Amino acid sequence: VEQESIGVDFLNNLFKTSDVWKQTSYNNNFRKQYAGPGYTYDE
């Protein structure tokens, strides 16, 4: 089962950071629309 938290951990391990990551849907299936640089995430 796909888990967003696993992706966040993977990216933070890859980049050796503790950044905030949110999964975005290329098909706009969740979180309204696909995010790009300059978009705002409304928590």
All heavy atoms as atom14 arrays in JSON, in Angstrom:
{
  "sequence": "VEQESIGVDFLNNLFKTSDVWKQTSYNNNFRKQYAGPGYTYDE",
  "atom14_mask": [
    [1, 1, 1, 1, 1, 1, 1, 0, 0, 0, 0, 0, 0, 0],
    [1, 1, 1, 1, 1, 1, 1, 1, 1, 0, 0, 0, 0, 0],
    [1, 1, 1, 1, 1, 1, 1, 1, 1, 0, 0, 0, 0, 0],
    [1, 1, 1, 1, 1, 1, 1, 1, 1, 0, 0, 0, 0, 0],
    [1, 1, 1, 1, 1, 1, 0, 0, 0, 0, 0, 0, 0, 0],
    [1, 1, 1, 1, 1, 1, 1, 1, 0, 0, 0, 0, 0, 0],
    [1, 1, 1, 1, 0, 0, 0, 0, 0, 0, 0, 0, 0, 0],
    [1, 1, 1, 1, 1, 1, 1, 0, 0, 0, 0, 0, 0, 0],
    [1, 1, 1, 1, 1, 1, 1, 1, 0, 0, 0, 0, 0, 0],
    [1, 1, 1, 1, 1, 1, 1, 1, 1, 1, 1, 0, 0, 0],
    [1, 1, 1, 1, 1, 1, 1, 1, 0, 0, 0, 0, 0, 0],
    [1, 1, 1, 1, 1, 1, 1, 1, 0, 0, 0, 0, 0, 0],
    [1, 1, 1, 1, 1, 1, 1, 1, 0, 0, 0, 0, 0, 0],
    [1, 1, 1, 1, 1, 1, 1, 1, 0, 0, 0, 0, 0, 0],
    [1, 1, 1, 1, 1, 1, 1, 1, 1, 1, 1, 0, 0, 0],
    [1, 1, 1, 1, 1, 1, 1, 1, 1, 0, 0, 0, 0, 0],
    [1, 1, 1, 1, 1, 1, 1, 0, 0, 0, 0, 0, 0, 0],
    [1, 1, 1, 1, 1, 1, 0, 0, 0, 0, 0, 0, 0, 0],
    [1, 1, 1, 1, 1, 1, 1, 1, 0, 0, 0, 0, 0, 0],
    [1, 1, 1, 1, 1, 1, 1, 0, 0, 0, 0, 0, 0, 0],
    [1, 1, 1, 1, 1, 1, 1, 1, 1, 1, 1, 1, 1, 1],
    [1, 1, 1, 1, 1, 1, 1, 1, 1, 0, 0, 0, 0, 0],
    [1, 1, 1, 1, 1, 1, 1, 1, 1, 0, 0, 0, 0, 0],
    [1, 1, 1, 1, 1, 1, 1, 0, 0, 0, 0, 0, 0, 0],
    [1, 1, 1, 1, 1, 1, 0, 0, 0, 0, 0, 0, 0, 0],
    [1, 1, 1, 1, 1, 1, 1, 1, 1, 1, 1, 1, 0, 0],
    [1, 1, 1, 1, 1, 1, 1, 1, 0, 0, 0, 0, 0, 0],
    [1, 1, 1, 1, 1, 1, 1, 1, 0, 0, 0, 0, 0, 0],
    [1, 1, 1, 1, 1, 1, 1, 1, 0, 0, 0, 0, 0, 0],
    [1, 1, 1, 1, 1, 1, 1, 1, 1, 1, 1, 0, 0, 0],
    [1, 1, 1, 1, 1, 1, 1, 1, 1, 1, 1, 0, 0, 0],
    [1, 1, 1, 1, 1, 1, 1, 1, 1, 0, 0, 0, 0, 0],
    [1, 1, 1, 1, 1, 1, 1, 1, 1, 0, 0, 0, 0, 0],
    [1, 1, 1, 1, 1, 1, 1, 1, 1, 1, 1, 1, 0, 0],
    [1, 1, 1, 1, 1, 0, 0, 0, 0, 0, 0, 0, 0, 0],
    [1, 1, 1, 1, 0, 0, 0, 0, 0, 0, 0, 0, 0, 0],
    [1, 1, 1, 1, 1, 1, 1, 0, 0, 0, 0, 0, 0, 0],
    [1, 1, 1, 1, 0, 0, 0, 0, 0, 0, 0, 0, 0, 0],
    [1, 1, 1, 1, 1, 1, 1, 1, 1, 1, 1, 1, 0, 0],
    [1, 1, 1, 1, 1, 1, 1, 0, 0, 0, 0, 0, 0, 0],
    [1, 1, 1, 1, 1, 1, 1, 1, 1, 1, 1, 1, 0, 0],
    [1, 1, 1, 1, 1, 1, 1, 1, 0, 0, 0, 0, 0, 0],
    [1, 1, 1, 1, 1, 1, 1, 1, 1, 0, 0, 0, 0, 0]
  ],
  "atom14_positions": [
    [[0.84, -1.19, 0.0], [0.0, 0.0, 0.0], [0.89, 1.25, 0.0], [1.82, 1.35, 0.82], [-0.94, 0.02, 1.24], [-1.78, 1.29, 1.27], [-1.82, -1.22, 1.25], [0.0, 0.0, 0.0], [0.0, 0.0, 0.0], [0.0, 0.0, 0.0], [0.0, 0.0, 0.0], [0.0, 0.0, 0.0], [0.0, 0.0, 0.0], [0.0, 0.0, 0.0]],
    [[0.61, 2.17, -0.92], [1.4, 3.4, -0.98], [1.13, 4.28, 0.24], [-0.02, 4.49, 0.62], [1.08, 4.17, -2.27], [1.53, 3.44, -3.52], [1.23, 4.2, -4.8], [0.81, 5.37, -4.74], [1.44, 3.61, -5.87], [0.0, 0.0, 0.0], [0.0, 0.0, 0.0], [0.0, 0.0, 0.0], [0.0, 0.0, 0.0], [0.0, 0.0, 0.0]],
    [[2.21, 4.78, 0.82], [2.12, 5.62, 2.02], [2.94, 6.9, 1.8], [4.14, 6.82, 1.52], [2.67, 4.88, 3.24], [1.96, 3.59, 3.57], [0.58, 3.81, 4.15], [0.27, 4.87, 4.69], [-0.28, 2.81, 4.0], [0.0, 0.0, 0.0], [0.0, 0.0, 0.0], [0.0, 0.0, 0.0], [0.0, 0.0, 0.0], [0.0, 0.0, 0.0]],
    [[2.3, 8.04, 1.94], [2.98, 9.31, 1.77], [4.17, 9.43, 2.72], [5.25, 9.9, 2.34], [2.0, 10.47, 2.0], [2.63, 11.84, 1.86], [1.61, 12.97, 2.05], [0.65, 12.8, 2.81], [1.81, 14.01, 1.41], [0.0, 0.0, 0.0], [0.0, 0.0, 0.0], [0.0, 0.0, 0.0], [0.0, 0.0, 0.0], [0.0, 0.0, 0.0]],
    [[3.99, 9.0, 3.95], [5.06, 9.13, 4.95], [6.34, 8.39, 4.54], [7.45, 8.83, 4.85], [4.57, 8.63, 6.31], [4.21, 7.25, 6.23], [0.0, 0.0, 0.0], [0.0, 0.0, 0.0], [0.0, 0.0, 0.0], [0.0, 0.0, 0.0], [0.0, 0.0, 0.0], [0.0, 0.0, 0.0], [0.0, 0.0, 0.0], [0.0, 0.0, 0.0]],
    [[6.18, 7.27, 3.82], [7.36, 6.53, 3.35], [8.11, 7.37, 2.32], [9.34, 7.43, 2.32], [6.95, 5.16, 2.78], [6.35, 4.29, 3.9], [8.15, 4.47, 2.13], [5.75, 2.98, 3.41], [0.0, 0.0, 0.0], [0.0, 0.0, 0.0], [0.0, 0.0, 0.0], [0.0, 0.0, 0.0], [0.0, 0.0, 0.0], [0.0, 0.0, 0.0]],
    [[7.37, 8.05, 1.44], [8.0, 8.93, 0.46], [8.71, 10.09, 1.11], [9.82, 10.47, 0.69], [0.0, 0.0, 0.0], [0.0, 0.0, 0.0], [0.0, 0.0, 0.0], [0.0, 0.0, 0.0], [0.0, 0.0, 0.0], [0.0, 0.0, 0.0], [0.0, 0.0, 0.0], [0.0, 0.0, 0.0], [0.0, 0.0, 0.0], [0.0, 0.0, 0.0]],
    [[8.1, 10.67, 2.13], [8.72, 11.79, 2.85], [10.03, 11.32, 3.49], [11.06, 11.98, 3.37], [7.75, 12.36, 3.91], [8.46, 13.35, 4.82], [6.54, 13.01, 3.24], [0.0, 0.0, 0.0], [0.0, 0.0, 0.0], [0.0, 0.0, 0.0], [0.0, 0.0, 0.0], [0.0, 0.0, 0.0], [0.0, 0.0, 0.0], [0.0, 0.0, 0.0]],
    [[9.98, 10.18, 4.17], [11.19, 9.65, 4.8], [12.27, 9.35, 3.76], [13.45, 9.65, 3.97], [10.88, 8.38, 5.6], [10.04, 8.65, 6.84], [9.98, 9.82, 7.28], [9.45, 7.68, 7.36], [0.0, 0.0, 0.0], [0.0, 0.0, 0.0], [0.0, 0.0, 0.0], [0.0, 0.0, 0.0], [0.0, 0.0, 0.0], [0.0, 0.0, 0.0]],
    [[11.87, 8.77, 2.63], [12.82, 8.46, 1.56], [13.54, 9.73, 1.09], [14.76, 9.76, 0.97], [12.09, 7.79, 0.39], [12.94, 7.65, -0.84], [13.88, 6.63, -0.94], [12.82, 8.55, -1.89], [14.68, 6.51, -2.07], [13.62, 8.43, -3.02], [14.55, 7.41, -3.11], [0.0, 0.0, 0.0], [0.0, 0.0, 0.0], [0.0, 0.0, 0.0]],
    [[12.77, 10.8, 0.82], [13.37, 12.04, 0.31], [14.26, 12.7, 1.36], [15.34, 13.2, 1.04], [12.28, 13.0, -0.16], [11.6, 12.56, -1.46], [10.31, 13.33, -1.68], [12.53, 12.72, -2.64], [0.0, 0.0, 0.0], [0.0, 0.0, 0.0], [0.0, 0.0, 0.0], [0.0, 0.0, 0.0], [0.0, 0.0, 0.0], [0.0, 0.0, 0.0]],
    [[13.82, 12.72, 2.62], [14.66, 13.32, 3.65], [15.94, 12.52, 3.87], [17.0, 13.1, 4.13], [13.87, 13.5, 4.95], [13.02, 14.75, 4.9], [13.38, 15.75, 4.29], [11.86, 14.7, 5.53], [0.0, 0.0, 0.0], [0.0, 0.0, 0.0], [0.0, 0.0, 0.0], [0.0, 0.0, 0.0], [0.0, 0.0, 0.0], [0.0, 0.0, 0.0]],
    [[15.87, 11.21, 3.75], [17.09, 10.38, 3.83], [17.99, 10.61, 2.62], [19.2, 10.73, 2.75], [16.73, 8.89, 3.94], [16.19, 8.53, 5.31], [16.54, 9.16, 6.31], [15.33, 7.53, 5.35], [0.0, 0.0, 0.0], [0.0, 0.0, 0.0], [0.0, 0.0, 0.0], [0.0, 0.0, 0.0], [0.0, 0.0, 0.0], [0.0, 0.0, 0.0]],
    [[17.38, 10.7, 1.44], [18.13, 10.91, 0.21], [18.9, 12.23, 0.24], [20.08, 12.29, -0.1], [17.18, 10.89, -1.0], [17.8, 11.15, -2.37], [18.7, 9.99, -2.77], [16.7, 11.35, -3.41], [0.0, 0.0, 0.0], [0.0, 0.0, 0.0], [0.0, 0.0, 0.0], [0.0, 0.0, 0.0], [0.0, 0.0, 0.0], [0.0, 0.0, 0.0]],
    [[18.2, 13.29, 0.68], [18.82, 14.63, 0.69], [19.45, 14.98, 2.04], [19.97, 16.08, 2.2], [17.78, 15.68, 0.29], [17.3, 15.54, -1.13], [15.97, 15.25, -1.41], [18.18, 15.69, -2.2], [15.53, 15.11, -2.72], [17.75, 15.56, -3.51], [16.42, 15.27, -3.77], [0.0, 0.0, 0.0], [0.0, 0.0, 0.0], [0.0, 0.0, 0.0]],
    [[19.36, 14.08, 3.0], [19.92, 14.29, 4.34], [19.38, 15.59, 4.95], [20.14, 16.45, 5.41], [21.44, 14.26, 4.31], [21.96, 12.96, 3.7], [23.39, 12.71, 4.02], [23.95, 11.44, 3.43], [23.11, 10.37, 3.05], [0.0, 0.0, 0.0], [0.0, 0.0, 0.0], [0.0, 0.0, 0.0], [0.0, 0.0, 0.0], [0.0, 0.0, 0.0]],
    [[18.04, 15.7, 4.94], [17.35, 16.88, 5.47], [16.19, 16.43, 6.35], [15.94, 15.24, 6.52], [16.77, 17.74, 4.33], [15.79, 16.96, 3.62], [17.84, 18.21, 3.37], [0.0, 0.0, 0.0], [0.0, 0.0, 0.0], [0.0, 0.0, 0.0], [0.0, 0.0, 0.0], [0.0, 0.0, 0.0], [0.0, 0.0, 0.0], [0.0, 0.0, 0.0]],
    [[15.49, 17.38, 6.87], [14.22, 17.12, 7.58], [13.17, 18.09, 7.04], [12.46, 18.73, 7.8], [14.41, 17.27, 9.09], [14.9, 18.56, 9.39], [0.0, 0.0, 0.0], [0.0, 0.0, 0.0], [0.0, 0.0, 0.0], [0.0, 0.0, 0.0], [0.0, 0.0, 0.0], [0.0, 0.0, 0.0], [0.0, 0.0, 0.0], [0.0, 0.0, 0.0]],
    [[13.11, 18.19, 5.72], [12.2, 19.12, 5.06], [10.75, 18.65, 5.14], [10.47, 17.48, 5.4], [12.59, 19.29, 3.59], [13.93, 19.99, 3.42], [14.22, 20.92, 4.19], [14.69, 19.6, 2.52], [0.0, 0.0, 0.0], [0.0, 0.0, 0.0], [0.0, 0.0, 0.0], [0.0, 0.0, 0.0], [0.0, 0.0, 0.0], [0.0, 0.0, 0.0]],
    [[9.85, 19.58, 4.87], [8.43, 19.27, 4.78], [8.14, 18.91, 3.32], [8.43, 19.69, 2.41], [7.55, 20.46, 5.23], [6.08, 20.17, 5.02], [7.84, 20.8, 6.69], [0.0, 0.0, 0.0], [0.0, 0.0, 0.0], [0.0, 0.0, 0.0], [0.0, 0.0, 0.0], [0.0, 0.0, 0.0], [0.0, 0.0, 0.0], [0.0, 0.0, 0.0]],
    [[7.58, 17.75, 3.11], [7.21, 17.26, 1.78], [5.74, 16.88, 1.79], [5.26, 16.32, 2.77], [8.02, 16.02, 1.4], [9.49, 16.24, 1.28], [10.42, 16.15, 2.28], [10.21, 16.6, 0.1], [11.67, 16.42, 1.78], [11.57, 16.69, 0.45], [9.84, 16.84, -1.21], [12.57, 17.02, -0.46], [10.82, 17.16, -2.14], [12.17, 17.25, -1.76]],
    [[5.05, 17.17, 0.72], [3.65, 16.77, 0.56], [3.53, 16.11, -0.81], [4.01, 16.63, -1.81], [2.7, 17.96, 0.64], [2.65, 18.62, 2.01], [2.0, 17.7, 3.02], [2.0, 18.33, 4.4], [1.42, 17.44, 5.4], [0.0, 0.0, 0.0], [0.0, 0.0, 0.0], [0.0, 0.0, 0.0], [0.0, 0.0, 0.0], [0.0, 0.0, 0.0]],
    [[2.84, 14.98, -0.83], [2.62, 14.32, -2.11], [1.64, 15.15, -2.93], [0.69, 15.73, -2.41], [2.07, 12.91, -1.89], [2.08, 12.08, -3.15], [1.75, 10.62, -2.88], [1.56, 10.2, -1.74], [1.69, 9.84, -3.95], [0.0, 0.0, 0.0], [0.0, 0.0, 0.0], [0.0, 0.0, 0.0], [0.0, 0.0, 0.0], [0.0, 0.0, 0.0]],
    [[1.9, 15.23, -4.22], [1.04, 15.98, -5.13], [0.63, 15.05, -6.26], [1.37, 14.15, -6.64], [1.76, 17.25, -5.65], [0.86, 18.01, -6.44], [3.02, 16.94, -6.41], [0.0, 0.0, 0.0], [0.0, 0.0, 0.0], [0.0, 0.0, 0.0], [0.0, 0.0, 0.0], [0.0, 0.0, 0.0], [0.0, 0.0, 0.0], [0.0, 0.0, 0.0]],
    [[-0.56, 15.26, -6.77], [-1.11, 14.36, -7.77], [-0.96, 14.93, -9.17], [-1.53, 15.97, -9.48], [-2.59, 14.11, -7.48], [-3.19, 13.41, -8.54], [0.0, 0.0, 0.0], [0.0, 0.0, 0.0], [0.0, 0.0, 0.0], [0.0, 0.0, 0.0], [0.0, 0.0, 0.0], [0.0, 0.0, 0.0], [0.0, 0.0, 0.0], [0.0, 0.0, 0.0]],
    [[-0.23, 14.22, -10.01], [-0.04, 14.64, -11.4], [-1.38, 14.69, -12.14], [-1.56, 15.47, -13.06], [0.93, 13.68, -12.09], [1.44, 14.2, -13.42], [2.4, 15.2, -13.47], [0.95, 13.68, -14.61], [2.86, 15.67, -14.68], [1.41, 14.15, -15.83], [2.35, 15.15, -15.86], [2.81, 15.62, -17.06], [0.0, 0.0, 0.0], [0.0, 0.0, 0.0]],
    [[-2.33, 13.87, -11.73], [-3.66, 13.83, -12.36], [-4.7, 14.64, -11.59], [-5.9, 14.51, -11.84], [-4.14, 12.37, -12.46], [-3.22, 11.56, -13.34], [-2.78, 12.02, -14.39], [-2.9, 10.35, -12.92], [0.0, 0.0, 0.0], [0.0, 0.0, 0.0], [0.0, 0.0, 0.0], [0.0, 0.0, 0.0], [0.0, 0.0, 0.0], [0.0, 0.0, 0.0]],
    [[-4.26, 15.45, -10.63], [-5.15, 16.3, -9.83], [-6.17, 15.48, -9.05], [-7.3, 15.93, -8.82], [-5.85, 17.34, -10.69], [-4.89, 18.2, -11.47], [-3.78, 18.47, -11.02], [-5.28, 18.63, -12.64], [0.0, 0.0, 0.0], [0.0, 0.0, 0.0], [0.0, 0.0, 0.0], [0.0, 0.0, 0.0], [0.0, 0.0, 0.0], [0.0, 0.0, 0.0]],
    [[-5.81, 14.29, -8.6], [-6.74, 13.43, -7.87], [-6.88, 13.81, -6.4], [-7.85, 13.42, -5.76], [-6.3, 11.96, -7.97], [-6.45, 11.43, -9.37], [-7.32, 11.86, -10.11], [-5.59, 10.5, -9.74], [0.0, 0.0, 0.0], [0.0, 0.0, 0.0], [0.0, 0.0, 0.0], [0.0, 0.0, 0.0], [0.0, 0.0, 0.0], [0.0, 0.0, 0.0]],
    [[-5.93, 14.54, -5.87], [-6.02, 14.98, -4.47], [-5.21, 16.27, -4.32], [-4.41, 16.61, -5.17], [-5.55, 13.89, -3.49], [-4.16, 13.38, -3.74], [-3.06, 13.98, -3.16], [-3.96, 12.26, -4.54], [-1.78, 13.51, -3.38], [-2.68, 11.76, -4.77], [-1.59, 12.39, -4.18], [0.0, 0.0, 0.0], [0.0, 0.0, 0.0], [0.0, 0.0, 0.0]],
    [[-5.49, 16.97, -3.24], [-4.85, 18.26, -2.94], [-5.04, 19.26, -4.08], [-4.17, 20.03, -4.4], [-3.39, 18.09, -2.58], [-3.2, 17.31, -1.29], [-1.83, 17.46, -0.68], [-1.84, 16.89, 0.65], [-1.06, 15.89, 1.06], [-0.16, 15.37, 0.24], [-1.17, 15.44, 2.28], [0.0, 0.0, 0.0], [0.0, 0.0, 0.0], [0.0, 0.0, 0.0]],
    [[-6.19, 19.24, -4.68], [-6.69, 20.14, -5.72], [-5.99, 20.01, -7.06], [-6.61, 19.81, -8.07], [-6.68, 21.59, -5.26], [-7.25, 22.53, -6.33], [-7.6, 23.86, -5.79], [-8.07, 24.82, -6.83], [-9.21, 24.4, -7.62], [0.0, 0.0, 0.0], [0.0, 0.0, 0.0], [0.0, 0.0, 0.0], [0.0, 0.0, 0.0], [0.0, 0.0, 0.0]],
    [[-4.66, 20.18, -7.07], [-3.95, 20.2, -8.34], [-2.49, 19.85, -8.14], [-1.99, 19.87, -7.02], [-4.07, 21.57, -8.99], [-3.55, 22.71, -8.13], [-4.11, 24.04, -8.55], [-4.54, 24.22, -9.67], [-4.11, 25.01, -7.65], [0.0, 0.0, 0.0], [0.0, 0.0, 0.0], [0.0, 0.0, 0.0], [0.0, 0.0, 0.0], [0.0, 0.0, 0.0]],
    [[-1.86, 19.52, -9.24], [-0.44, 19.2, -9.22], [0.33, 20.47, -8.84], [0.1, 21.54, -9.41], [-0.01, 18.7, -10.6], [1.44, 18.3, -10.68], [1.88, 17.11, -10.11], [2.35, 19.11, -11.33], [3.22, 16.74, -10.19], [3.69, 18.74, -11.42], [4.11, 17.56, -10.84], [5.43, 17.2, -10.92], [0.0, 0.0, 0.0], [0.0, 0.0, 0.0]],
    [[1.22, 20.34, -7.89], [2.0, 21.48, -7.43], [3.24, 21.69, -8.28], [3.81, 20.74, -8.81], [2.42, 21.29, -5.98], [0.0, 0.0, 0.0], [0.0, 0.0, 0.0], [0.0, 0.0, 0.0], [0.0, 0.0, 0.0], [0.0, 0.0, 0.0], [0.0, 0.0, 0.0], [0.0, 0.0, 0.0], [0.0, 0.0, 0.0], [0.0, 0.0, 0.0]],
    [[3.63, 22.93, -8.4], [4.87, 23.29, -9.06], [5.56, 24.36, -8.24], [4.97, 24.94, -7.33], [0.0, 0.0, 0.0], [0.0, 0.0, 0.0], [0.0, 0.0, 0.0], [0.0, 0.0, 0.0], [0.0, 0.0, 0.0], [0.0, 0.0, 0.0], [0.0, 0.0, 0.0], [0.0, 0.0, 0.0], [0.0, 0.0, 0.0], [0.0, 0.0, 0.0]],
    [[6.81, 24.66, -8.54], [7.5, 25.73, -7.82], [6.68, 27.03, -7.86], [6.16, 27.4, -8.91], [8.82, 25.87, -8.56], [9.06, 24.49, -9.12], [7.68, 24.01, -9.52], [0.0, 0.0, 0.0], [0.0, 0.0, 0.0], [0.0, 0.0, 0.0], [0.0, 0.0, 0.0], [0.0, 0.0, 0.0], [0.0, 0.0, 0.0], [0.0, 0.0, 0.0]],
    [[6.56, 27.66, -6.72], [5.8, 28.9, -6.62], [4.38, 28.7, -6.14], [3.71, 29.65, -5.72], [0.0, 0.0, 0.0], [0.0, 0.0, 0.0], [0.0, 0.0, 0.0], [0.0, 0.0, 0.0], [0.0, 0.0, 0.0], [0.0, 0.0, 0.0], [0.0, 0.0, 0.0], [0.0, 0.0, 0.0], [0.0, 0.0, 0.0], [0.0, 0.0, 0.0]],
    [[3.87, 27.48, -6.18], [2.54, 27.19, -5.64], [2.6, 27.32, -4.12], [3.67, 27.23, -3.52], [2.1, 25.78, -6.01], [1.55, 25.65, -7.41], [2.31, 26.01, -8.51], [0.28, 25.16, -7.63], [1.81, 25.89, -9.8], [-0.24, 25.02, -8.91], [0.54, 25.39, -9.99], [0.04, 25.27, -11.26], [0.0, 0.0, 0.0], [0.0, 0.0, 0.0]],
    [[1.44, 27.49, -3.51], [1.34, 27.57, -2.06], [0.62, 26.33, -1.55], [-0.38, 25.91, -2.14], [0.55, 28.82, -1.63], [1.21, 29.98, -2.14], [0.43, 28.93, -0.13], [0.0, 0.0, 0.0], [0.0, 0.0, 0.0], [0.0, 0.0, 0.0], [0.0, 0.0, 0.0], [0.0, 0.0, 0.0], [0.0, 0.0, 0.0], [0.0, 0.0, 0.0]],
    [[1.11, 25.77, -0.46], [0.41, 24.67, 0.18], [-0.39, 25.25, 1.32], [0.15, 25.88, 2.22], [1.38, 23.6, 0.68], [0.66, 22.53, 1.46], [-0.2, 21.65, 0.82], [0.81, 22.43, 2.84], [-0.89, 20.68, 1.53], [0.13, 21.47, 3.56], [-0.73, 20.6, 2.9], [-1.41, 19.65, 3.61], [0.0, 0.0, 0.0], [0.0, 0.0, 0.0]],
    [[-1.72, 25.09, 1.28], [-2.61, 25.55, 2.35], [-2.82, 24.37, 3.28], [-3.51, 23.4, 2.95], [-3.94, 26.02, 1.76], [-4.85, 26.62, 2.81], [-5.0, 26.02, 3.91], [-5.45, 27.69, 2.54], [0.0, 0.0, 0.0], [0.0, 0.0, 0.0], [0.0, 0.0, 0.0], [0.0, 0.0, 0.0], [0.0, 0.0, 0.0], [0.0, 0.0, 0.0]],
    [[-2.2, 24.45, 4.45], [-2.23, 23.34, 5.4], [-3.63, 23.09, 5.94], [-4.04, 21.94, 6.13], [-1.26, 23.62, 6.55], [-1.02, 22.44, 7.44], [0.12, 22.65, 8.41], [0.88, 23.62, 8.27], [0.25, 21.82, 9.31], [0.0, 0.0, 0.0], [0.0, 0.0, 0.0], [0.0, 0.0, 0.0], [0.0, 0.0, 0.0], [0.0, 0.0, 0.0]]
  ]
}
